[in-house]
Amino acid sequence: MTADLRFAPATGIGSLPGGDAREAARTAKGSFEDFPFLPELPARGPGADMIGRTAGMLVELYARVEPSGWRIGDRPGRDTKRARSWLGEDLDALEEFTQGYEGQLKVQAVGPWTLAATLELRNGEVALSDPGACRDLAGSLAEGLRLHLEEVRRRIPGAQVVLQLDEPSLIGALRGQVRSASGYRTHRAVDRQVVEATLRDVVGVHAGGPVVVHSCAPDVPFALLRRAGVAAVSFDFSLLTERDDDAIGEAVEGGTRLFAGVVPGTDTALSDPAGSVMGVRTLWRRLGLHPGLLAEAVTVTPSCGLAGASPEYARKALAHCAQAARSLADNPE
């Protein structure tokens, strides 16, 4: 990543309520004229959820829905076909609303460690229980993402594609907190160097393009992600504590951008836009960073996906992100 990389001021995380692909694409493009995103609509059912969508992208690995969750199988079944069909529908809709678009465009997929902590093997245990399965899964994901990014660039040739990897289970994998199928024990923590190397390999498929890692869990490993080569880290700002200060300061000074999730992901009364980014300004002062860097280094987002929100609130939340970002740019101090 180059130190002068800049992201647009605001964007969404990924998921939206409802099941209308065209309406979702219209909302994503209309809310963020200079940084739209490919919406996910999990309300449609299995295959439209983030795990199912990413499972549908895998190459030479297939997954089906079992009562316990998504499980790797031998051949593509109806669940894989449904996931691919919905992704195609969403891409069709986004392509329609981005005719002639030139600018940043974000697409999302589940990262290798959250996928490994969620997808089950034939024995019912998650892939995280088997280092060989983790390697195979990461390799399949990398190839699937490469093909997906090619498809997005073909459909929207003027776009500068940004890849977001969703990794809510990353900390659980690092700390040995992912539960076994029985629920009575947890899987052993994955070595940090293995986690970092795997992420670096997957990040590397987007050659020449920026990758953002999103986690709405506490204790995001900023330093590890920075070493893995991500351009930006996306997180729930409300979960930060002062013990994160050093890692964030080092990340910013090293050129890593922050996607600050400051707007709640479920229906609530929203403060004024300036109030939503007050905590970001406070963090900046606490870190002793130059206020002039603030708008360059921070992109404003919801705290997490908006699938659990009402359609009206989701539209308001996205508009609020854009307004809060303008407030941050106009008055960084």
Protein backbone atom coordinates (compact mmCIF):
# COMPACT_ATOMS: atom_id res chain seq x y z
CA MET A 1 0.00 0.00 0.00
CA THR A 2 1.27 3.46 -0.81
CA ALA A 3 1.33 6.01 1.96
CA ASP A 4 -0.59 8.52 -0.16
CA LEU A 5 -3.60 6.21 -0.68
CA ARG A 6 -6.82 8.04 0.14
CA PHE A 7 -10.27 6.62 0.52
CA ALA A 8 -13.45 8.60 -0.01
CA PRO A 9 -14.92 10.16 3.17
CA ALA A 10 -17.76 7.69 3.85
CA THR A 11 -19.20 4.33 2.78
CA GLY A 12 -21.34 1.45 4.04
CA ILE A 13 -20.27 -1.84 5.57
CA GLY A 14 -22.15 -4.29 3.36
CA SER A 15 -25.49 -5.68 4.49
CA LEU A 16 -28.82 -3.88 4.10
CA PRO A 17 -32.38 -4.86 5.06
CA GLY A 18 -34.92 -6.22 2.62
CA GLY A 19 -34.61 -8.37 -0.48
CA ASP A 20 -34.82 -6.02 -3.46
CA ALA A 21 -31.42 -5.95 -5.19
CA ARG A 22 -32.23 -2.93 -7.37
CA GLU A 23 -33.48 -0.86 -4.43
CA ALA A 24 -30.37 -1.80 -2.41
CA ALA A 25 -28.04 -0.86 -5.27
CA ARG A 26 -29.87 2.43 -5.75
CA THR A 27 -29.47 3.17 -2.02
CA ALA A 28 -25.77 2.22 -1.95
CA LYS A 29 -24.95 4.38 -4.96
CA GLY A 30 -27.24 7.26 -3.99
CA SER A 31 -25.91 7.47 -0.44
CA PHE A 32 -22.23 7.49 -1.45
CA GLU A 33 -21.72 9.04 -4.86
CA ASP A 34 -17.92 8.64 -4.57
CA PHE A 35 -17.68 5.32 -2.64
CA PRO A 36 -20.65 2.99 -3.28
CA PHE A 37 -20.57 -0.64 -2.20
CA LEU A 38 -22.05 -3.95 -3.35
CA PRO A 39 -24.97 -4.58 -0.97
CA GLU A 40 -25.64 -7.90 0.74
CA LEU A 41 -29.28 -8.81 1.49
CA PRO A 42 -29.29 -11.71 3.99
CA ALA A 43 -33.06 -11.43 4.56
CA ARG A 44 -33.48 -13.43 1.31
CA GLY A 45 -32.27 -16.53 3.14
CA PRO A 46 -29.32 -18.97 3.13
CA GLY A 47 -26.90 -18.10 0.35
CA ALA A 48 -27.58 -14.38 0.66
CA ASP A 49 -25.95 -14.27 4.12
CA MET A 50 -22.28 -13.32 4.24
CA ILE A 51 -21.06 -16.89 4.88
CA GLY A 52 -23.24 -18.35 2.15
CA ARG A 53 -22.30 -15.66 -0.35
CA THR A 54 -18.58 -16.24 0.21
CA ALA A 55 -19.02 -20.04 0.21
CA GLY A 56 -20.55 -19.63 -3.24
CA MET A 57 -17.34 -17.94 -4.43
CA LEU A 58 -15.07 -20.83 -3.42
CA VAL A 59 -13.23 -22.69 -6.18
CA GLU A 60 -13.33 -26.51 -6.12
CA LEU A 61 -14.89 -26.45 -2.66
CA TYR A 62 -18.64 -26.42 -2.14
CA ALA A 63 -20.89 -25.89 0.85
CA ARG A 64 -24.47 -26.76 1.70
CA VAL A 65 -26.79 -25.78 4.50
CA GLU A 66 -27.22 -28.25 7.37
CA PRO A 67 -29.31 -27.68 10.52
CA SER A 68 -26.08 -26.72 12.33
CA GLY A 69 -24.88 -24.30 9.62
CA TRP A 70 -22.87 -24.32 6.41
CA ARG A 71 -20.94 -27.55 5.74
CA ILE A 72 -18.37 -28.36 3.07
CA GLY A 73 -19.59 -31.03 0.62
CA ASP A 74 -18.40 -32.89 -2.46
CA ARG A 75 -20.28 -31.10 -5.24
CA PRO A 76 -22.20 -27.91 -5.91
CA GLY A 77 -25.81 -28.32 -4.78
CA ARG A 78 -28.80 -26.03 -4.75
CA ASP A 79 -27.40 -23.90 -1.91
CA THR A 80 -24.24 -23.11 -3.90
CA LYS A 81 -26.31 -22.39 -7.01
CA ARG A 82 -28.65 -20.13 -5.05
CA ALA A 83 -25.73 -18.18 -3.54
CA ARG A 84 -24.18 -17.66 -6.97
CA SER A 85 -27.51 -16.67 -8.49
CA TRP A 86 -28.13 -14.01 -5.83
CA LEU A 87 -24.61 -12.64 -6.21
CA GLY A 88 -25.19 -12.39 -9.95
CA GLU A 89 -28.48 -10.57 -9.34
CA ASP A 90 -26.76 -8.12 -7.00
CA LEU A 91 -23.97 -7.48 -9.50
CA ASP A 92 -26.55 -6.91 -12.26
CA ALA A 93 -28.28 -4.30 -10.10
CA LEU A 94 -25.07 -2.54 -9.12
CA GLU A 95 -23.89 -2.50 -12.73
CA GLU A 96 -27.18 -0.84 -13.72
CA PHE A 97 -26.74 2.00 -11.22
CA THR A 98 -23.01 2.55 -11.84
CA GLN A 99 -23.03 3.01 -15.62
CA GLY A 100 -20.03 5.19 -16.49
CA TYR A 101 -18.95 5.38 -12.84
CA GLU A 102 -15.31 6.18 -12.16
CA GLY A 103 -14.21 6.09 -8.55
CA GLN A 104 -13.83 3.77 -5.58
CA LEU A 105 -16.23 0.85 -5.28
CA LYS A 106 -16.22 -1.58 -2.36
CA VAL A 107 -17.09 -5.27 -2.48
CA GLN A 108 -17.16 -7.55 0.56
CA ALA A 109 -16.39 -11.19 1.33
CA VAL A 110 -15.74 -13.18 4.48
CA GLY A 111 -12.05 -13.47 5.34
CA PRO A 112 -10.22 -16.81 5.66
CA TRP A 113 -10.29 -17.07 9.45
CA THR A 114 -13.96 -16.27 9.96
CA LEU A 115 -14.73 -18.69 7.13
CA ALA A 116 -12.60 -21.37 8.84
CA ALA A 117 -14.31 -20.68 12.17
CA THR A 118 -17.77 -21.06 10.61
CA LEU A 119 -17.71 -23.62 7.77
CA GLU A 120 -18.05 -27.20 9.02
CA LEU A 121 -16.12 -30.20 7.77
CA ARG A 122 -17.84 -33.54 7.11
CA ASN A 123 -17.34 -34.56 10.77
CA GLY A 124 -19.30 -31.53 11.97
CA GLU A 125 -16.29 -29.67 13.38
CA VAL A 126 -15.37 -26.34 11.85
CA ALA A 127 -12.46 -26.13 9.43
CA LEU A 128 -10.47 -24.26 12.09
CA SER A 129 -9.97 -27.64 13.81
CA ASP A 130 -7.80 -28.88 10.93
CA PRO A 131 -4.72 -26.90 9.74
CA GLY A 132 -4.79 -28.66 6.35
CA ALA A 133 -8.45 -27.73 5.87
CA CYS A 134 -7.62 -24.12 6.78
CA ARG A 135 -4.92 -24.03 4.09
CA ASP A 136 -7.23 -25.56 1.46
CA LEU A 137 -10.02 -23.16 2.36
CA ALA A 138 -7.75 -20.10 2.19
CA GLY A 139 -6.40 -21.19 -1.21
CA SER A 140 -9.90 -21.79 -2.58
CA LEU A 141 -11.06 -18.42 -1.22
CA ALA A 142 -8.09 -16.59 -2.75
CA GLU A 143 -8.83 -18.02 -6.19
CA GLY A 144 -12.55 -17.32 -5.84
CA LEU A 145 -11.88 -13.72 -4.84
CA ARG A 146 -9.53 -13.27 -7.79
CA LEU A 147 -12.29 -14.36 -10.16
CA HIS A 148 -14.90 -12.24 -8.38
CA LEU A 149 -12.73 -9.11 -8.58
CA GLU A 150 -12.15 -9.76 -12.29
CA GLU A 151 -15.91 -9.98 -12.80
CA VAL A 152 -16.53 -6.70 -10.94
CA ARG A 153 -13.85 -4.92 -12.97
CA ARG A 154 -15.33 -6.29 -16.20
CA ARG A 155 -18.81 -5.06 -15.32
CA ILE A 156 -17.76 -1.65 -13.96
CA PRO A 157 -14.50 -0.92 -15.81
CA GLY A 158 -14.09 2.62 -14.47
CA ALA A 159 -14.20 1.55 -10.82
CA GLN A 160 -11.22 1.41 -8.49
CA VAL A 161 -12.25 -1.76 -6.67
CA VAL A 162 -11.69 -1.95 -2.91
CA LEU A 163 -11.96 -5.42 -1.33
CA GLN A 164 -13.30 -5.70 2.21
CA LEU A 165 -12.66 -8.92 4.14
CA ASP A 166 -15.10 -9.45 7.01
CA GLU A 167 -13.28 -11.05 9.95
CA PRO A 168 -15.52 -10.95 13.07
CA SER A 169 -14.09 -14.31 14.26
CA LEU A 170 -10.43 -13.35 13.83
CA ILE A 171 -9.89 -12.57 17.52
CA GLY A 172 -11.65 -15.79 18.53
CA ALA A 173 -9.29 -17.79 16.30
CA LEU A 174 -6.23 -16.01 17.72
CA ARG A 175 -7.33 -16.53 21.33
CA GLY A 176 -8.66 -20.07 21.12
CA GLN A 177 -12.26 -18.95 21.75
CA VAL A 178 -13.97 -20.74 18.84
CA ARG A 179 -16.19 -23.47 20.28
CA SER A 180 -16.20 -27.10 19.19
CA ALA A 181 -19.33 -28.75 17.77
CA SER A 182 -20.24 -30.08 21.22
CA GLY A 183 -19.90 -26.65 22.76
CA TYR A 184 -17.98 -28.13 25.70
CA ARG A 185 -14.51 -27.11 24.59
CA THR A 186 -12.79 -24.62 22.33
CA HIS A 187 -10.41 -25.14 19.43
CA ARG A 188 -6.76 -24.42 20.00
CA ALA A 189 -5.59 -20.88 19.24
CA VAL A 190 -4.06 -20.47 15.79
CA ASP A 191 -0.43 -19.29 15.74
CA ARG A 192 -0.30 -15.54 15.03
CA GLN A 193 2.31 -16.00 12.31
CA VAL A 194 0.08 -18.49 10.52
CA VAL A 195 -2.88 -16.11 10.80
CA GLU A 196 -0.80 -13.24 9.45
CA ALA A 197 0.73 -15.24 6.59
CA THR A 198 -2.67 -16.58 5.49
CA LEU A 199 -4.19 -13.11 5.53
CA ARG A 200 -1.22 -11.77 3.55
CA ASP A 201 -1.76 -14.45 0.89
CA VAL A 202 -5.47 -13.64 0.55
CA VAL A 203 -4.85 -9.89 0.59
CA GLY A 204 -2.30 -10.43 -2.17
CA VAL A 205 -4.92 -11.62 -4.68
CA HIS A 206 -6.08 -8.01 -5.07
CA ALA A 207 -2.81 -7.05 -6.70
CA GLY A 208 -2.52 -3.29 -6.99
CA GLY A 209 -5.85 -2.76 -5.21
CA PRO A 210 -6.52 -1.85 -1.58
CA VAL A 211 -7.91 -4.34 0.94
CA VAL A 212 -9.85 -3.38 4.07
CA VAL A 213 -10.37 -5.82 6.94
CA HIS A 214 -13.59 -5.29 8.88
CA SER A 215 -14.28 -6.57 12.39
CA CYS A 216 -17.04 -5.37 14.68
CA ALA A 217 -15.56 -7.39 17.58
CA PRO A 218 -13.48 -5.87 20.43
CA ASP A 219 -9.66 -5.83 20.44
CA VAL A 220 -9.06 -5.61 16.69
CA PRO A 221 -5.41 -6.64 16.05
CA PHE A 222 -4.33 -3.46 14.23
CA ALA A 223 -0.60 -4.29 14.19
CA LEU A 224 -1.10 -7.81 12.82
CA LEU A 225 -3.41 -6.54 10.07
CA ARG A 226 -0.96 -3.81 9.15
CA ARG A 227 1.84 -6.38 8.81
CA ALA A 228 -0.45 -8.54 6.65
CA GLY A 229 -0.60 -5.70 4.15
CA VAL A 230 -4.12 -4.34 4.57
CA ALA A 231 -4.68 -0.76 3.46
CA ALA A 232 -7.33 0.01 6.06
CA VAL A 233 -8.99 -1.43 9.15
CA SER A 234 -12.76 -1.13 9.62
CA PHE A 235 -14.10 -1.37 13.17
CA ASP A 236 -16.88 -0.47 15.61
CA PHE A 237 -15.59 2.77 17.11
CA SER A 238 -17.65 2.32 20.29
CA LEU A 239 -15.61 -0.79 21.21
CA LEU A 240 -12.26 1.03 21.29
CA THR A 241 -10.52 1.55 24.62
CA GLU A 242 -7.46 3.57 25.49
CA ARG A 243 -5.37 0.40 25.40
CA ASP A 244 -5.89 0.45 21.62
CA ASP A 245 -4.30 3.92 21.36
CA ASP A 246 -0.72 2.88 20.67
CA ALA A 247 -1.67 0.36 17.99
CA ILE A 248 -3.96 2.86 16.27
CA GLY A 249 -1.38 5.62 16.43
CA GLU A 250 1.29 3.36 14.93
CA ALA A 251 -1.11 2.19 12.23
CA VAL A 252 -2.05 5.73 11.18
CA GLU A 253 1.57 6.90 11.18
CA GLY A 254 2.44 3.83 9.08
CA GLY A 255 -0.13 4.80 6.44
CA THR A 256 -3.00 2.48 7.45
CA ARG A 257 -6.40 4.12 7.04
CA LEU A 258 -9.24 3.81 9.52
CA PHE A 259 -12.84 3.01 8.64
CA ALA A 260 -14.47 4.32 11.82
CA GLY A 261 -17.87 2.78 12.53
CA VAL A 262 -19.57 5.60 14.42
CA VAL A 263 -23.23 5.25 13.34
CA PRO A 264 -25.21 2.48 15.12
CA GLY A 265 -26.24 -0.45 12.95
CA THR A 266 -29.75 -0.88 14.36
CA ASP A 267 -32.62 1.57 14.77
CA THR A 268 -31.94 4.32 17.28
CA ALA A 269 -32.17 8.09 17.55
CA LEU A 270 -29.21 9.62 15.71
CA SER A 271 -27.28 12.55 17.15
CA ASP A 272 -26.31 15.48 14.99
CA PRO A 273 -23.59 14.50 12.45
CA ALA A 274 -20.89 16.51 14.27
CA GLY A 275 -21.72 14.66 17.48
CA SER A 276 -21.30 11.30 15.79
CA VAL A 277 -17.63 12.02 15.02
CA MET A 278 -16.79 13.82 18.26
CA GLY A 279 -15.11 10.68 19.59
CA VAL A 280 -12.90 10.49 16.50
CA ARG A 281 -11.71 14.07 17.08
CA THR A 282 -11.07 13.24 20.76
CA LEU A 283 -9.03 10.16 19.80
CA TRP A 284 -6.98 12.25 17.37
CA ARG A 285 -6.13 14.79 20.08
CA ARG A 286 -5.27 12.02 22.54
CA LEU A 287 -2.90 10.46 20.02
CA GLY A 288 -1.27 13.82 19.28
CA LEU A 289 -1.92 13.42 15.55
CA HIS A 290 -2.17 16.43 13.24
CA PRO A 291 -5.82 17.49 12.75
CA GLY A 292 -5.14 18.04 9.06
CA LEU A 293 -4.60 14.28 8.64
CA LEU A 294 -8.02 13.43 10.01
CA ALA A 295 -10.14 13.64 6.87
CA GLU A 296 -7.40 11.88 4.85
CA ALA A 297 -6.98 9.00 7.29
CA VAL A 298 -10.59 8.34 8.35
CA THR A 299 -13.59 7.04 6.40
CA VAL A 300 -16.90 7.19 8.27
CA THR A 301 -19.13 4.09 8.25
CA PRO A 302 -21.90 2.43 10.26
CA SER A 303 -20.58 0.39 13.18
CA CYS A 304 -21.54 -2.87 11.44
CA GLY A 305 -23.88 -4.11 8.74
CA LEU A 306 -27.43 -2.77 8.59
CA ALA A 307 -29.31 -6.02 7.92
CA GLY A 308 -31.03 -5.79 11.32
CA ALA A 309 -32.24 -2.23 10.79
CA SER A 310 -35.51 -1.03 9.30
CA PRO A 311 -35.24 0.13 5.67
CA GLU A 312 -36.00 3.72 6.70
CA TYR A 313 -33.31 3.72 9.40
CA ALA A 314 -30.76 2.10 7.07
CA ARG A 315 -31.22 4.91 4.53
CA LYS A 316 -30.94 7.52 7.30
CA ALA A 317 -27.83 5.86 8.75
CA LEU A 318 -26.02 5.88 5.40
CA ALA A 319 -26.93 9.52 4.78
CA HIS A 320 -25.79 10.32 8.32
CA CYS A 321 -22.37 8.76 7.62
CA ALA A 322 -21.91 11.07 4.62
CA GLN A 323 -22.98 14.12 6.68
CA ALA A 324 -20.69 13.17 9.59
CA ALA A 325 -17.76 12.79 7.20
CA ARG A 326 -18.39 16.31 5.84
CA SER A 327 -18.42 17.61 9.41
CA LEU A 328 -15.07 15.93 10.07
CA ALA A 329 -13.55 17.46 6.92
CA ASP A 330 -14.98 20.94 7.59
CA ASN A 331 -13.98 21.04 11.25
CA PRO A 332 -11.22 18.53 12.07
CA GLU A 333 -10.52 20.15 15.43
